[in-house]
Amino acid sequence: MPRSAPSWTSVHRSERLADTPVIRRDGHWWLVSPAGTMLASDHAFTAELDRFAADMAAADRAVAELHTKHTAASEPVREAQR
């Protein structure tokens, strides 16, 4: 079991899984709210969180790749200097 639960005040928005009240710290999923923090221990639930996090990461990578391709395509082609 993890050493200590994260407190609501120590959770940054960027740590949350897709703006949900769920974070992953030290290999454990936590449900975090102003009322308190609870370790997510249900295997089926945490497996779904793992899959969702993996899907979100893949989507973020795909969007970043599309953005890079779009930026490269919109830059003017420059002729090689002789």
C-alpha atoms as a PDB file:
ATOM      1  CA  MET A   1       0.000   0.000   0.000  1.00  0.00           C
ATOM      2  CA  PRO A   2       1.246   3.522  -0.779  1.00  0.00           C
ATOM      3  CA  ARG A   3       2.852   5.560   1.968  1.00  0.00           C
ATOM      4  CA  SER A   4       0.409   8.447   2.037  1.00  0.00           C
ATOM      5  CA  ALA A   5      -2.652   9.576   0.173  1.00  0.00           C
ATOM      6  CA  PRO A   6      -2.409  12.713  -1.946  1.00  0.00           C
ATOM      7  CA  SER A   7      -4.318  15.632  -0.527  1.00  0.00           C
ATOM      8  CA  TRP A   8      -6.767  17.660  -2.560  1.00  0.00           C
ATOM      9  CA  THR A   9      -4.543  20.718  -2.305  1.00  0.00           C
ATOM     10  CA  SER A  10      -1.494  18.860  -3.636  1.00  0.00           C
ATOM     11  CA  VAL A  11      -3.213  17.715  -6.853  1.00  0.00           C
ATOM     12  CA  HIS A  12      -2.433  19.814  -9.902  1.00  0.00           C
ATOM     13  CA  ARG A  13      -4.911  20.027 -12.760  1.00  0.00           C
ATOM     14  CA  SER A  14      -2.264  18.602 -15.111  1.00  0.00           C
ATOM     15  CA  GLU A  15      -2.051  15.435 -12.985  1.00  0.00           C
ATOM     16  CA  ARG A  16      -5.698  14.570 -13.463  1.00  0.00           C
ATOM     17  CA  LEU A  17      -6.784  11.984 -15.964  1.00  0.00           C
ATOM     18  CA  ALA A  18      -8.682  13.991 -18.593  1.00  0.00           C
ATOM     19  CA  ASP A  19     -10.015  16.507 -16.051  1.00  0.00           C
ATOM     20  CA  THR A  20     -11.526  13.748 -13.901  1.00  0.00           C
ATOM     21  CA  PRO A  21     -11.052  13.559 -10.130  1.00  0.00           C
ATOM     22  CA  VAL A  22      -8.654  10.647 -10.669  1.00  0.00           C
ATOM     23  CA  ILE A  23      -4.862  10.718 -10.471  1.00  0.00           C
ATOM     24  CA  ARG A  24      -2.109   8.125 -10.571  1.00  0.00           C
ATOM     25  CA  ARG A  25       0.726   8.404  -8.076  1.00  0.00           C
ATOM     26  CA  ASP A  26       3.357   5.847  -7.175  1.00  0.00           C
ATOM     27  CA  GLY A  27       1.660   3.248  -9.360  1.00  0.00           C
ATOM     28  CA  HIS A  28      -1.733   3.596  -7.665  1.00  0.00           C
ATOM     29  CA  TRP A  29      -4.966   5.222  -8.810  1.00  0.00           C
ATOM     30  CA  TRP A  30      -6.579   7.685  -6.401  1.00  0.00           C
ATOM     31  CA  LEU A  31     -10.018   9.265  -6.372  1.00  0.00           C
ATOM     32  CA  VAL A  32      -9.560  12.804  -5.110  1.00  0.00           C
ATOM     33  CA  SER A  33     -12.163  15.326  -3.948  1.00  0.00           C
ATOM     34  CA  PRO A  34     -12.400  18.185  -1.453  1.00  0.00           C
ATOM     35  CA  ALA A  35     -14.110  15.714   0.907  1.00  0.00           C
ATOM     36  CA  GLY A  36     -11.098  13.393   0.908  1.00  0.00           C
ATOM     37  CA  THR A  37      -8.979  10.953  -1.022  1.00  0.00           C
ATOM     38  CA  MET A  38      -9.616   7.272  -1.605  1.00  0.00           C
ATOM     39  CA  LEU A  39      -7.340   4.622  -3.041  1.00  0.00           C
ATOM     40  CA  ALA A  40      -8.995   2.892  -5.989  1.00  0.00           C
ATOM     41  CA  SER A  41      -8.557  -0.793  -5.226  1.00  0.00           C
ATOM     42  CA  ASP A  42     -11.139  -2.527  -7.436  1.00  0.00           C
ATOM     43  CA  HIS A  43      -9.139  -4.413 -10.080  1.00  0.00           C
ATOM     44  CA  ALA A  44     -11.769  -4.056 -12.836  1.00  0.00           C
ATOM     45  CA  PHE A  45     -12.046  -0.311 -12.218  1.00  0.00           C
ATOM     46  CA  THR A  46      -8.292   0.308 -12.138  1.00  0.00           C
ATOM     47  CA  ALA A  47      -7.844  -1.810 -15.288  1.00  0.00           C
ATOM     48  CA  GLU A  48     -10.354   0.446 -17.049  1.00  0.00           C
ATOM     49  CA  LEU A  49      -8.486   3.498 -15.787  1.00  0.00           C
ATOM     50  CA  ASP A  50      -5.246   2.033 -17.170  1.00  0.00           C
ATOM     51  CA  ARG A  51      -6.880   1.442 -20.566  1.00  0.00           C
ATOM     52  CA  PHE A  52      -8.424   4.908 -20.603  1.00  0.00           C
ATOM     53  CA  ALA A  53      -5.099   6.532 -19.705  1.00  0.00           C
ATOM     54  CA  ALA A  54      -3.339   4.574 -22.473  1.00  0.00           C
ATOM     55  CA  ASP A  55      -6.008   5.595 -24.992  1.00  0.00           C
ATOM     56  CA  MET A  56      -5.745   9.256 -23.947  1.00  0.00           C
ATOM     57  CA  ALA A  57      -1.956   9.154 -24.319  1.00  0.00           C
ATOM     58  CA  ALA A  58      -2.275   7.607 -27.794  1.00  0.00           C
ATOM     59  CA  ALA A  59      -4.802  10.255 -28.803  1.00  0.00           C
ATOM     60  CA  ASP A  60      -2.520  13.027 -27.528  1.00  0.00           C
ATOM     61  CA  ARG A  61       0.377  11.609 -29.575  1.00  0.00           C
ATOM     62  CA  ALA A  62      -1.812  11.360 -32.706  1.00  0.00           C
ATOM     63  CA  VAL A  63      -2.986  14.958 -32.353  1.00  0.00           C
ATOM     64  CA  ALA A  64       0.592  16.164 -31.825  1.00  0.00           C
ATOM     65  CA  GLU A  65       1.696  14.287 -34.950  1.00  0.00           C
ATOM     66  CA  LEU A  66      -1.141  15.791 -37.005  1.00  0.00           C
ATOM     67  CA  HIS A  67      -0.260  19.236 -35.690  1.00  0.00           C
ATOM     68  CA  THR A  68       3.383  18.747 -36.657  1.00  0.00           C
ATOM     69  CA  LYS A  69       2.433  17.573 -40.160  1.00  0.00           C
ATOM     70  CA  HIS A  70       0.013  20.473 -40.605  1.00  0.00           C
ATOM     71  CA  THR A  71       2.628  22.993 -39.492  1.00  0.00           C
ATOM     72  CA  ALA A  72       5.237  21.504 -41.819  1.00  0.00           C
ATOM     73  CA  ALA A  73       2.798  21.499 -44.744  1.00  0.00           C
ATOM     74  CA  SER A  74       1.839  25.133 -44.214  1.00  0.00           C
ATOM     75  CA  GLU A  75       5.422  26.414 -44.202  1.00  0.00           C
ATOM     76  CA  PRO A  76       6.607  27.788 -47.541  1.00  0.00           C
ATOM     77  CA  VAL A  77       9.011  25.635 -49.501  1.00  0.00           C
ATOM     78  CA  ARG A  78      12.334  27.372 -49.925  1.00  0.00           C
ATOM     79  CA  GLU A  79      14.600  26.771 -52.852  1.00  0.00           C
ATOM     80  CA  ALA A  80      18.016  25.390 -52.127  1.00  0.00           C
ATOM     81  CA  GLN A  81      20.781  27.977 -52.229  1.00  0.00           C
ATOM     82  CA  ARG A  82      23.614  27.240 -54.667  1.00  0.00           C
END
